[in-house]
Amino acid sequence: MNAQLAAEAVTDPGELLKAFSEGRVERATKPIQRIDTHLSHVFISESRAYKLKRAVRMPFVDFSTAELRRAACQAELETNRRLGSPLYLDVLPVARRRDGGFCLGGEGDIVDWVVVMRRFDQSQQFDELAKSEKLTAELVLRTAGRIAAMHDAAAPNRLAGHAADYRHVIRNLRKTEEDGADKLGLIIGDPAPFDALDAELARVDPLIERRRSRGKVRRGHGDLHLRNICLFEGKPEPFDALEFDERLATTDVLYDLAFFLMDLRRVGLAAQANAAMNRYWDTAQEDEEGLRLLPFFMALRATVRMAVAIEAGQLVEAHAYRRLAFELLTHRPPALVAIGGLSGTGKSEVAKIIASELPGPAGARLLRSDVLRKRALGLAPEEARAKADAYAPAQRAQTYRDLGSHVVEAVAAGASVVADATFTVSSTREAILSIPHARTYAFWLNAPVSVRLARIAARKQDASDADVRVALAQMEPVKLGLRWRRLDATRPVNATASDILQDVRQADAAAELAAARGDHGQVRQTADRI
């Protein structure tokens, strides 16, 4: 009997599930837990997990026959291994013996297929770590680096990832929502995000095509939400990559990353989302222009989860994703905050806090002169020191030119920016204030040398190469300029960041009010006061 006919001979679809649940599938270790998702049943034992595809047909997937499920299992194994996952072991048939029992990989008529995986501690899945407040910034930074490496190892595909492919996704999501609502006897909520997504796609269409031609489209994970990443043997490991549609999974790398960023924001981890976004940009050396795509990509990912939740009848969850999609598509004017000061004043720690709070789908782009200097030298920011000649006047001037270029590109992409540098030379302070198309605010952090030296001594794995000798040689500028506000940085960095954010928000609110009234002179005066 062939696989499909044998599968159809199993008249009770719950029979195999019951056998797995009760440990009656020979050669499969008895499960201690069963997890049901919208596409699979997973049976978890002491050392293994057995993943059985559901016999479903949806607008975006078809697992309705045993042969289709076999192909999906094999694709899942190969895809996740190719992406570097250590969790995937094998694909095995489930056979029905003549006595009516089931056997894994044994003799008999094949009725289905399973993916065999190593078991991991489910408390180490990122959604669970988020619930227990253990999804730290350090772990998120490592994960962003892992995602960047995964993308770097994939070959560019210039035949996929067209803007038309994202339009196709939007159409299928609309159909998925309609089907799910129809099954539940519901009327679709209004407004739906699909029209807003279409409008945003029209805005970014040219950039999507430019990036495709530059090799930014690659076969990625395709489903990088928090539940599909775990901490395994001390390392962040994505798993359960999208296996059933190569077209859906072959996209702009930023669309792949956007699922992770969106889900971090969904669970209220704005600081972690900002840290992940900035680490990815720095590690992958992404163009700042790509920041323009994040509102669309993150909102589309939220809409994917919304449609899936409706299909599963999870209406509260669907509503939360719908609301998030609209929030992500709301554009606010970008803010540029310059943070200057001598080494050890806490600039970088203050800048991190501010970046996560500024407007943007994942907060602001954080641009540090120390990171850009090492990027230009091909050095890992936190793992290597630059040679002394990298700080010679000509090289220092080039670093500040690079900083200015990155800021201009990021602001032009509609992104808020935090620029972190010493800015001891007056021309660098003047240049950062001349960036067009942004509400610019500048703050200078002051701290006595004793505080600065103590902070430098406490640094661990920081991009700055400044040591005691450098700190002692630095001189405070006599005149900063009218638009630079001095702040006492001897206080905890949270207090300093809070003062800056309060000033920026008040000034932004006043500027927005003035702009609404058409008083552009008042907008300029508001920024000048800061």
Protein backbone atom coordinates (compact mmCIF):
# COMPACT_ATOMS: atom_id res chain seq x y z
CA MET A 1 0.00 0.00 0.00
CA ASN A 2 1.47 3.41 -0.89
CA ALA A 3 1.91 6.14 1.74
CA GLN A 4 -1.08 8.23 0.72
CA LEU A 5 -3.57 5.33 0.52
CA ALA A 6 -2.30 3.95 3.82
CA ALA A 7 -2.70 7.32 5.47
CA GLU A 8 -6.26 7.60 4.20
CA ALA A 9 -6.95 4.13 5.59
CA VAL A 10 -6.53 5.54 9.12
CA THR A 11 -10.15 6.54 9.52
CA ASP A 12 -9.76 8.06 12.99
CA PRO A 13 -7.31 10.98 12.84
CA GLY A 14 -7.05 10.94 16.63
CA GLU A 15 -5.88 7.33 16.77
CA LEU A 16 -2.23 8.06 16.03
CA LEU A 17 -2.25 11.10 18.32
CA LYS A 18 -3.62 8.97 21.15
CA ALA A 19 -0.98 6.30 20.51
CA PHE A 20 1.81 8.89 20.70
CA SER A 21 0.33 10.51 23.81
CA GLU A 22 0.06 7.16 25.60
CA GLY A 23 3.56 6.00 24.61
CA ARG A 24 2.25 3.21 22.38
CA VAL A 25 4.35 4.05 19.32
CA GLU A 26 7.15 1.50 19.30
CA ARG A 27 10.72 2.93 19.24
CA ALA A 28 9.45 6.38 20.26
CA THR A 29 10.22 7.16 23.89
CA LYS A 30 7.16 7.82 25.99
CA PRO A 31 6.22 11.52 25.98
CA ILE A 32 5.95 13.55 29.12
CA GLN A 33 4.29 16.48 27.37
CA ARG A 34 2.24 17.21 24.25
CA ILE A 35 2.16 20.62 22.56
CA ASP A 36 -0.34 21.48 19.84
CA THR A 37 0.34 24.35 17.41
CA HIS A 38 -1.71 25.48 14.44
CA LEU A 39 0.40 23.29 12.12
CA SER A 40 1.85 20.49 14.28
CA HIS A 41 1.57 18.18 17.26
CA VAL A 42 4.80 17.85 19.25
CA PHE A 43 5.40 14.99 21.70
CA ILE A 44 8.26 15.66 24.12
CA SER A 45 10.08 12.89 25.98
CA GLU A 46 13.08 12.95 28.31
CA SER A 47 15.59 13.33 25.49
CA ARG A 48 13.66 13.66 22.23
CA ALA A 49 10.84 15.60 20.60
CA TYR A 50 8.67 14.08 17.84
CA LYS A 51 6.94 16.55 15.56
CA LEU A 52 3.89 15.34 13.66
CA LYS A 53 2.42 17.66 11.02
CA ARG A 54 -1.32 18.31 11.19
CA ALA A 55 -3.39 17.11 8.21
CA VAL A 56 -4.53 20.63 7.30
CA ARG A 57 -5.01 22.73 4.18
CA MET A 58 -4.86 26.52 4.54
CA PRO A 59 -4.39 29.41 2.09
CA PHE A 60 -0.65 29.37 2.77
CA VAL A 61 0.06 25.66 3.45
CA ASP A 62 -1.14 22.22 2.42
CA PHE A 63 -0.39 19.22 4.66
CA SER A 64 -3.53 17.32 3.65
CA THR A 65 -1.80 14.09 2.52
CA ALA A 66 0.89 11.90 4.05
CA GLU A 67 3.16 12.53 1.08
CA LEU A 68 2.86 16.30 1.49
CA ARG A 69 3.62 15.93 5.20
CA ARG A 70 6.65 13.75 4.42
CA ALA A 71 8.00 16.41 2.07
CA ALA A 72 7.40 19.10 4.69
CA CYS A 73 9.20 17.07 7.37
CA GLN A 74 12.20 16.53 5.09
CA ALA A 75 12.24 20.22 4.16
CA GLU A 76 12.13 21.20 7.84
CA LEU A 77 15.10 18.95 8.65
CA GLU A 78 17.20 20.20 5.75
CA THR A 79 16.29 23.87 6.19
CA ASN A 80 17.07 24.03 9.89
CA ARG A 81 20.32 22.10 9.51
CA ARG A 82 21.38 24.47 6.74
CA LEU A 83 20.71 27.41 9.07
CA GLY A 84 23.01 25.84 11.66
CA SER A 85 20.53 24.37 14.16
CA PRO A 86 21.96 21.53 16.30
CA LEU A 87 18.48 20.40 17.36
CA TYR A 88 17.40 18.44 14.26
CA LEU A 89 18.25 14.72 14.04
CA ASP A 90 16.13 12.83 11.50
CA VAL A 91 12.86 12.30 9.63
CA LEU A 92 11.28 8.89 10.27
CA PRO A 93 8.15 7.14 8.98
CA VAL A 94 5.36 6.04 11.29
CA ALA A 95 4.15 2.60 10.22
CA ARG A 96 1.08 0.60 11.18
CA ARG A 97 1.80 -3.04 11.95
CA ARG A 98 -0.50 -5.89 11.06
CA ASP A 99 -1.58 -6.14 14.71
CA GLY A 100 -2.88 -2.56 14.54
CA GLY A 101 -0.09 -0.98 16.58
CA PHE A 102 2.22 1.81 15.43
CA CYS A 103 5.99 1.69 15.01
CA LEU A 104 8.51 4.43 14.36
CA GLY A 105 10.69 3.61 11.37
CA GLY A 106 9.63 -0.06 11.39
CA GLU A 107 7.87 -2.48 9.07
CA GLY A 108 4.28 -2.02 8.03
CA ASP A 109 2.19 0.45 6.07
CA ILE A 110 3.49 4.01 6.39
CA VAL A 111 0.72 6.23 7.72
CA ASP A 112 2.66 9.41 8.54
CA TRP A 113 6.05 10.98 9.16
CA VAL A 114 7.72 12.74 12.08
CA VAL A 115 10.66 15.08 12.55
CA VAL A 116 12.91 13.83 15.37
CA MET A 117 14.64 16.54 17.42
CA ARG A 118 16.80 16.85 20.48
CA ARG A 119 14.76 17.92 23.45
CA PHE A 120 15.54 21.29 24.99
CA ASP A 121 14.34 22.87 28.21
CA GLN A 122 11.15 24.71 27.27
CA SER A 123 11.73 27.24 30.02
CA GLN A 124 14.62 28.37 27.81
CA GLN A 125 12.39 29.30 24.87
CA PHE A 126 12.55 33.04 24.39
CA ASP A 127 8.83 33.59 24.91
CA GLU A 128 9.15 31.86 28.29
CA LEU A 129 12.32 33.81 29.14
CA ALA A 130 10.43 37.01 28.33
CA LYS A 131 7.60 36.04 30.70
CA SER A 132 10.08 35.34 33.51
CA GLU A 133 12.00 38.58 32.81
CA LYS A 134 15.14 36.64 31.88
CA LEU A 135 15.41 37.71 28.26
CA THR A 136 18.30 40.06 28.95
CA ALA A 137 19.86 42.65 26.69
CA GLU A 138 23.07 40.57 26.64
CA LEU A 139 21.20 37.49 25.40
CA VAL A 140 19.32 39.52 22.80
CA LEU A 141 22.61 41.01 21.54
CA ARG A 142 24.05 37.52 21.09
CA THR A 143 20.90 36.47 19.26
CA ALA A 144 21.11 39.43 16.87
CA GLY A 145 24.70 38.43 16.14
CA ARG A 146 23.59 34.84 15.51
CA ILE A 147 20.90 36.04 13.08
CA ALA A 148 23.40 38.27 11.27
CA ALA A 149 25.80 35.31 10.89
CA MET A 150 22.96 33.12 9.62
CA HIS A 151 22.08 35.70 6.97
CA ASP A 152 25.71 36.21 6.02
CA ALA A 153 26.14 32.47 5.38
CA ALA A 154 23.15 32.37 3.00
CA ALA A 155 23.64 33.01 -0.72
CA PRO A 156 21.99 36.08 -2.30
CA ASN A 157 18.95 35.40 -4.47
CA ARG A 158 18.28 38.17 -6.97
CA LEU A 159 15.30 36.37 -8.50
CA ALA A 160 13.14 36.52 -5.36
CA GLY A 161 12.06 39.16 -2.88
CA HIS A 162 10.29 41.48 -5.30
CA ALA A 163 7.80 44.01 -3.98
CA ALA A 164 5.16 41.89 -5.74
CA ASP A 165 6.02 39.01 -3.39
CA TYR A 166 5.07 41.11 -0.37
CA ARG A 167 1.83 42.13 -2.09
CA HIS A 168 1.13 38.43 -2.53
CA VAL A 169 1.72 37.91 1.22
CA ILE A 170 -0.74 40.71 2.04
CA ARG A 171 -3.39 39.18 -0.23
CA ASN A 172 -2.96 35.74 1.34
CA LEU A 173 -3.16 37.20 4.84
CA ARG A 174 -6.41 38.95 3.92
CA LYS A 175 -7.76 35.62 2.67
CA THR A 176 -6.56 33.82 5.82
CA GLU A 177 -8.33 36.36 8.02
CA GLU A 178 -11.53 36.06 5.96
CA ASP A 179 -11.47 32.25 6.17
CA GLY A 180 -10.80 32.30 9.90
CA ALA A 181 -13.55 34.81 10.59
CA ASP A 182 -15.98 32.85 8.42
CA LYS A 183 -15.31 29.64 10.36
CA LEU A 184 -15.97 31.47 13.61
CA GLY A 185 -19.07 33.20 12.28
CA LEU A 186 -17.51 36.63 12.86
CA ILE A 187 -17.40 39.91 10.98
CA ILE A 188 -13.86 41.09 10.23
CA GLY A 189 -12.70 43.95 12.44
CA ASP A 190 -12.52 47.45 11.06
CA PRO A 191 -10.15 48.94 10.19
CA ALA A 192 -8.07 46.05 8.85
CA PRO A 193 -4.33 46.69 8.39
CA PHE A 194 -4.15 45.41 4.82
CA ASP A 195 -4.92 48.69 3.06
CA ALA A 196 -2.41 50.51 5.27
CA LEU A 197 0.20 47.86 4.44
CA ASP A 198 -0.49 48.26 0.72
CA ALA A 199 -0.01 52.02 1.02
CA GLU A 200 3.25 51.63 2.93
CA LEU A 201 4.51 49.06 0.44
CA ALA A 202 3.91 51.53 -2.38
CA ARG A 203 6.09 54.03 -0.48
CA VAL A 204 9.03 51.64 0.00
CA ASP A 205 8.66 49.65 -3.24
CA PRO A 206 11.70 51.25 -4.98
CA LEU A 207 13.97 50.56 -1.98
CA ILE A 208 12.86 46.92 -1.83
CA GLU A 209 13.83 46.51 -5.49
CA ARG A 210 17.20 48.28 -5.01
CA ARG A 211 18.08 46.02 -2.10
CA ARG A 212 17.07 42.92 -4.04
CA SER A 213 19.45 43.88 -6.84
CA ARG A 214 22.21 44.41 -4.25
CA GLY A 215 21.92 40.87 -2.88
CA LYS A 216 19.93 41.59 0.25
CA VAL A 217 17.39 38.83 -0.49
CA ARG A 218 18.36 35.45 0.99
CA ARG A 219 16.80 32.22 2.20
CA GLY A 220 16.27 33.00 5.86
CA HIS A 221 14.46 31.47 8.80
CA GLY A 222 11.06 32.87 7.86
CA ASP A 223 9.37 32.55 11.27
CA LEU A 224 11.70 34.21 13.79
CA HIS A 225 9.28 35.00 16.59
CA LEU A 226 10.26 34.44 20.22
CA ARG A 227 8.72 30.99 20.51
CA ASN A 228 11.01 29.76 17.72
CA ILE A 229 14.28 30.68 19.46
CA CYS A 230 15.71 28.92 22.50
CA LEU A 231 18.83 28.88 24.65
CA PHE A 232 20.45 25.50 23.99
CA GLU A 233 23.76 24.52 25.58
CA GLY A 234 24.32 28.16 26.44
CA LYS A 235 23.77 29.49 22.91
CA PRO A 236 20.75 31.19 21.28
CA GLU A 237 19.42 28.84 18.63
CA PRO A 238 16.63 29.60 16.13
CA PHE A 239 14.58 26.53 15.22
CA ASP A 240 11.35 25.58 13.44
CA ALA A 241 12.24 27.58 10.34
CA LEU A 242 9.51 28.00 7.74
CA GLU A 243 9.83 24.90 5.58
CA PHE A 244 6.68 24.66 3.47
CA ASP A 245 7.24 27.56 1.07
CA GLU A 246 10.67 28.60 -0.20
CA ARG A 247 9.17 31.72 -1.73
CA LEU A 248 7.80 32.91 1.62
CA ALA A 249 11.14 32.29 3.34
CA THR A 250 13.34 33.87 0.64
CA THR A 251 13.04 37.56 1.41
CA ASP A 252 14.95 40.67 2.33
CA VAL A 253 17.09 39.80 5.35
CA LEU A 254 15.47 42.70 7.22
CA TYR A 255 12.05 41.09 6.78
CA ASP A 256 13.48 37.99 8.46
CA LEU A 257 14.92 40.09 11.31
CA ALA A 258 11.67 42.07 11.60
CA PHE A 259 9.81 39.12 13.13
CA PHE A 260 12.25 39.05 16.07
CA LEU A 261 12.11 42.82 16.56
CA MET A 262 8.31 42.90 16.31
CA ASP A 263 7.87 40.16 18.87
CA LEU A 264 10.25 41.83 21.33
CA ARG A 265 8.19 44.98 21.06
CA ARG A 266 4.95 42.99 21.42
CA VAL A 267 6.00 41.66 24.82
CA GLY A 268 7.08 45.10 26.03
CA LEU A 269 10.84 44.68 25.63
CA ALA A 270 11.52 47.94 23.80
CA ALA A 271 15.07 48.24 25.11
CA GLN A 272 15.90 44.72 23.92
CA ALA A 273 14.31 45.38 20.52
CA ASN A 274 16.45 48.49 20.15
CA ALA A 275 19.60 46.68 21.25
CA ALA A 276 18.91 43.86 18.78
CA MET A 277 18.24 46.24 15.90
CA ASN A 278 21.43 48.20 16.50
CA ARG A 279 23.59 45.12 17.00
CA TYR A 280 22.30 43.62 13.77
CA TRP A 281 22.95 46.84 11.84
CA ASP A 282 26.49 47.09 13.22
CA THR A 283 27.34 43.39 12.81
CA ALA A 284 25.83 42.96 9.35
CA GLN A 285 27.07 46.44 8.33
CA GLU A 286 23.61 47.22 7.03
CA ASP A 287 22.93 50.37 5.04
CA GLU A 288 21.17 53.02 7.12
CA GLU A 289 18.74 53.37 4.22
CA GLY A 290 17.31 50.00 5.23
CA LEU A 291 15.80 51.59 8.34
CA ARG A 292 13.04 52.94 6.09
CA LEU A 293 11.74 49.37 5.67
CA LEU A 294 11.32 48.50 9.34
CA PRO A 295 7.82 50.01 9.82
CA PHE A 296 6.46 48.02 6.87
CA PHE A 297 8.33 44.80 7.59
CA MET A 298 7.54 44.77 11.31
CA ALA A 299 3.87 45.65 10.71
CA LEU A 300 3.58 42.92 8.09
CA ARG A 301 5.02 40.41 10.57
CA ALA A 302 2.48 41.54 13.18
CA THR A 303 -0.27 41.04 10.61
CA VAL A 304 1.01 37.52 9.88
CA ARG A 305 0.57 36.67 13.56
CA MET A 306 -2.82 38.39 13.60
CA ALA A 307 -4.11 36.24 10.73
CA VAL A 308 -2.72 33.04 12.25
CA ALA A 309 -4.34 33.90 15.60
CA ILE A 310 -7.72 34.44 13.92
CA GLU A 311 -7.36 31.12 12.09
CA ALA A 312 -6.73 29.49 15.48
CA GLY A 313 -9.67 31.30 17.10
CA GLN A 314 -7.39 33.31 19.43
CA LEU A 315 -9.23 36.60 19.13
CA VAL A 316 -7.65 38.49 22.04
CA GLU A 317 -4.20 37.76 20.66
CA ALA A 318 -5.33 38.70 17.15
CA HIS A 319 -6.60 42.07 18.39
CA ALA A 320 -3.26 42.80 20.09
CA TYR A 321 -1.37 42.11 16.86
CA ARG A 322 -3.84 44.22 14.85
CA ARG A 323 -3.29 47.18 17.19
CA LEU A 324 0.50 46.70 17.05
CA ALA A 325 0.47 46.66 13.24
CA PHE A 326 -1.17 50.09 13.15
CA GLU A 327 1.22 51.45 15.78
CA LEU A 328 4.20 50.30 13.72
CA LEU A 329 2.83 52.02 10.62
CA THR A 330 2.43 55.36 12.43
CA HIS A 331 5.23 57.65 11.29
CA ARG A 332 6.56 60.32 13.63
CA PRO A 333 9.17 62.96 12.75
CA PRO A 334 12.68 61.66 13.50
CA ALA A 335 14.64 63.09 16.40
CA LEU A 336 18.43 63.46 16.42
CA VAL A 337 20.01 63.51 19.88
CA ALA A 338 23.74 64.21 20.11
CA ILE A 339 25.47 63.06 23.31
CA GLY A 340 28.93 64.54 23.87
CA GLY A 341 31.42 64.54 26.69
CA LEU A 342 34.85 63.33 27.71
CA SER A 343 35.60 59.63 28.11
CA GLY A 344 34.06 58.13 31.22
CA THR A 345 31.13 60.55 31.54
CA GLY A 346 28.68 57.71 30.79
CA LYS A 347 27.74 58.83 27.27
CA SER A 348 27.27 55.36 25.83
CA GLU A 349 25.12 54.04 28.68
CA VAL A 350 22.94 57.15 28.56
CA ALA A 351 22.73 56.87 24.77
CA LYS A 352 21.49 53.25 24.97
CA ILE A 353 18.65 54.23 27.26
CA ILE A 354 17.64 57.19 25.12
CA ALA A 355 17.78 55.21 21.86
CA SER A 356 15.18 52.71 23.06
CA GLU A 357 12.75 55.51 23.97
CA LEU A 358 12.85 57.66 20.83
CA PRO A 359 10.32 57.37 17.97
CA GLY A 360 10.75 54.41 15.66
CA PRO A 361 9.44 50.85 15.27
CA ALA A 362 12.45 49.58 17.22
CA GLY A 363 13.57 52.90 18.68
CA ALA A 364 16.45 55.00 17.39
CA ARG A 365 19.57 54.09 15.47
CA LEU A 366 22.49 54.38 17.89
CA LEU A 367 25.62 55.59 16.10
CA ARG A 368 28.83 55.54 18.15
CA SER A 369 32.09 56.94 16.85
CA ASP A 370 33.94 54.09 18.60
CA VAL A 371 31.92 51.45 16.74
CA LEU A 372 32.22 53.19 13.36
CA ARG A 373 35.98 53.58 13.81
CA LYS A 374 36.41 49.84 14.31
CA ARG A 375 33.94 48.99 11.58
CA ALA A 376 36.10 50.94 9.13
CA LEU A 377 39.14 48.96 10.33
CA GLY A 378 37.36 45.60 10.06
CA LEU A 379 37.54 45.03 13.83
CA ALA A 380 34.92 43.55 16.14
CA PRO A 381 33.88 46.54 18.29
CA GLU A 382 34.00 44.82 21.68
CA GLU A 383 36.73 42.27 21.07
CA ALA A 384 39.70 44.17 19.64
CA ARG A 385 41.60 47.41 20.23
CA ALA A 386 42.43 49.81 17.44
CA LYS A 387 46.05 50.82 17.03
CA ALA A 388 47.16 54.25 18.20
CA ASP A 389 47.34 55.62 14.65
CA ALA A 390 43.58 55.12 14.34
CA TYR A 391 43.24 58.13 16.66
CA ALA A 392 45.60 60.42 14.75
CA PRO A 393 44.01 63.76 13.72
CA ALA A 394 43.39 62.74 10.09
CA GLN A 395 41.85 59.40 11.08
CA ARG A 396 39.79 61.02 13.82
CA ALA A 397 38.44 63.54 11.31
CA GLN A 398 37.51 60.67 8.97
CA THR A 399 35.64 58.90 11.78
CA TYR A 400 33.55 62.03 12.37
CA ARG A 401 32.86 62.35 8.64
CA ASP A 402 31.68 58.74 8.65
CA LEU A 403 29.51 59.47 11.68
CA GLY A 404 27.95 62.44 9.89
CA SER A 405 27.28 60.38 6.75
CA HIS A 406 25.58 57.62 8.71
CA VAL A 407 23.46 60.13 10.62
CA VAL A 408 22.37 61.87 7.40
CA GLU A 409 21.39 58.54 5.80
CA ALA A 410 19.50 57.33 8.86
CA VAL A 411 17.57 60.58 9.26
CA ALA A 412 16.78 60.62 5.54
CA ALA A 413 15.34 57.12 6.03
CA GLY A 414 12.94 58.57 8.60
CA ALA A 415 14.77 57.10 11.60
CA SER A 416 15.52 58.77 14.90
CA VAL A 417 19.22 58.78 15.76
CA VAL A 418 21.40 59.04 18.85
CA ALA A 419 24.93 60.18 17.97
CA ASP A 420 27.46 59.22 20.66
CA ALA A 421 30.95 60.75 20.45
CA THR A 422 33.26 63.00 22.46
CA PHE A 423 32.64 65.99 20.15
CA THR A 424 35.59 67.82 21.71
CA VAL A 425 36.41 69.61 18.43
CA SER A 426 34.08 72.54 17.74
CA SER A 427 33.70 71.70 14.04
CA THR A 428 32.28 68.27 14.93
CA ARG A 429 29.73 69.87 17.27
CA GLU A 430 28.69 72.32 14.59
CA ALA A 431 28.45 69.59 11.94
CA ILE A 432 26.12 67.35 13.94
CA LEU A 433 23.77 70.29 14.51
CA SER A 434 23.57 71.01 10.79
CA ILE A 435 21.97 67.67 9.81
CA PRO A 436 18.82 68.44 7.75
CA HIS A 437 15.31 67.07 8.23
CA ALA A 438 15.56 66.24 11.93
CA ARG A 439 14.68 67.87 15.22
CA THR A 440 18.14 68.05 16.72
CA TYR A 441 19.01 68.19 20.42
CA ALA A 442 22.52 68.31 21.87
CA PHE A 443 23.68 67.49 25.40
CA TRP A 444 27.14 67.66 26.96
CA LEU A 445 27.85 65.42 29.94
CA ASN A 446 30.12 66.78 32.68
CA ALA A 447 31.85 64.70 35.36
CA PRO A 448 35.05 65.20 37.40
CA VAL A 449 38.12 63.16 36.50
CA SER A 450 37.74 60.89 39.54
CA VAL A 451 34.28 59.77 38.39
CA ARG A 452 35.45 59.34 34.81
CA LEU A 453 38.44 57.19 35.78
CA ALA A 454 36.29 54.99 38.01
CA ARG A 455 33.83 54.36 35.19
CA ILE A 456 36.60 53.58 32.72
CA ALA A 457 38.10 51.07 35.17
CA ALA A 458 34.71 49.34 35.49
CA ARG A 459 34.20 48.82 31.74
CA LYS A 460 33.87 45.31 30.36
CA GLN A 461 33.78 44.46 26.66
CA ASP A 462 33.14 47.99 25.48
CA ALA A 463 33.86 49.42 22.05
CA SER A 464 35.78 52.36 23.53
CA ASP A 465 39.57 52.10 23.64
CA ALA A 466 39.91 55.07 26.00
CA ASP A 467 42.03 54.21 29.04
CA VAL A 468 43.34 56.25 31.99
CA ARG A 469 46.06 57.84 29.88
CA VAL A 470 43.58 58.98 27.24
CA ALA A 471 41.11 60.27 29.81
CA LEU A 472 43.74 62.34 31.63
CA ALA A 473 44.88 63.93 28.35
CA GLN A 474 41.40 65.09 27.33
CA MET A 475 40.45 68.74 27.77
CA GLU A 476 36.97 70.16 28.30
CA PRO A 477 35.96 72.64 25.55
CA VAL A 478 35.89 76.23 26.77
CA LYS A 479 32.85 77.11 24.66
CA LEU A 480 30.34 74.52 23.56
CA GLY A 481 27.95 76.64 21.53
CA LEU A 482 24.51 77.91 22.40
CA ARG A 483 22.59 74.78 21.46
CA TRP A 484 24.58 72.39 23.63
CA ARG A 485 23.12 71.91 27.09
CA ARG A 486 25.47 70.86 29.91
CA LEU A 487 24.28 68.13 32.29
CA ASP A 488 25.72 66.86 35.55
CA ALA A 489 26.77 63.27 34.76
CA THR A 490 27.90 62.32 38.25
CA ARG A 491 24.40 61.01 38.91
CA PRO A 492 23.25 57.51 37.88
CA VAL A 493 22.96 57.19 34.11
CA ASN A 494 19.20 56.58 34.39
CA ALA A 495 18.75 60.01 35.97
CA THR A 496 20.77 61.70 33.23
CA ALA A 497 18.86 59.86 30.51
CA SER A 498 15.54 60.77 32.14
CA ASP A 499 16.42 64.47 32.06
CA ILE A 500 17.37 64.29 28.40
CA LEU A 501 14.21 62.42 27.43
CA GLN A 502 12.05 64.89 29.33
CA ASP A 503 13.64 67.81 27.49
CA VAL A 504 13.33 66.12 24.10
CA ARG A 505 9.70 65.13 24.63
CA GLN A 506 8.70 68.59 25.82
CA ALA A 507 10.47 70.23 22.90
CA ASP A 508 8.96 67.72 20.43
CA ALA A 509 5.48 68.33 21.78
CA ALA A 510 5.92 72.10 21.49
CA ALA A 511 7.35 71.76 17.98
CA GLU A 512 4.51 69.50 16.84
CA LEU A 513 1.98 71.95 18.21
CA ALA A 514 3.70 74.84 16.47
CA ALA A 515 3.89 72.86 13.22
CA ALA A 516 0.19 72.07 13.44
CA ARG A 517 -0.48 75.80 13.74
CA GLY A 518 1.81 76.55 10.81
CA ASP A 519 4.27 78.49 12.98
CA HIS A 520 7.55 77.26 11.52
CA GLY A 521 9.58 79.98 13.19
CA GLN A 522 8.44 78.70 16.56
CA VAL A 523 9.54 75.17 15.56
CA ARG A 524 13.05 76.46 14.92
CA GLN A 525 13.13 78.48 18.16
CA THR A 526 12.06 75.41 20.15
CA ALA A 527 14.99 73.40 18.81
CA ASP A 528 17.39 76.30 19.33
CA ARG A 529 16.50 76.47 23.03
CA ILE A 530 17.71 72.92 23.41
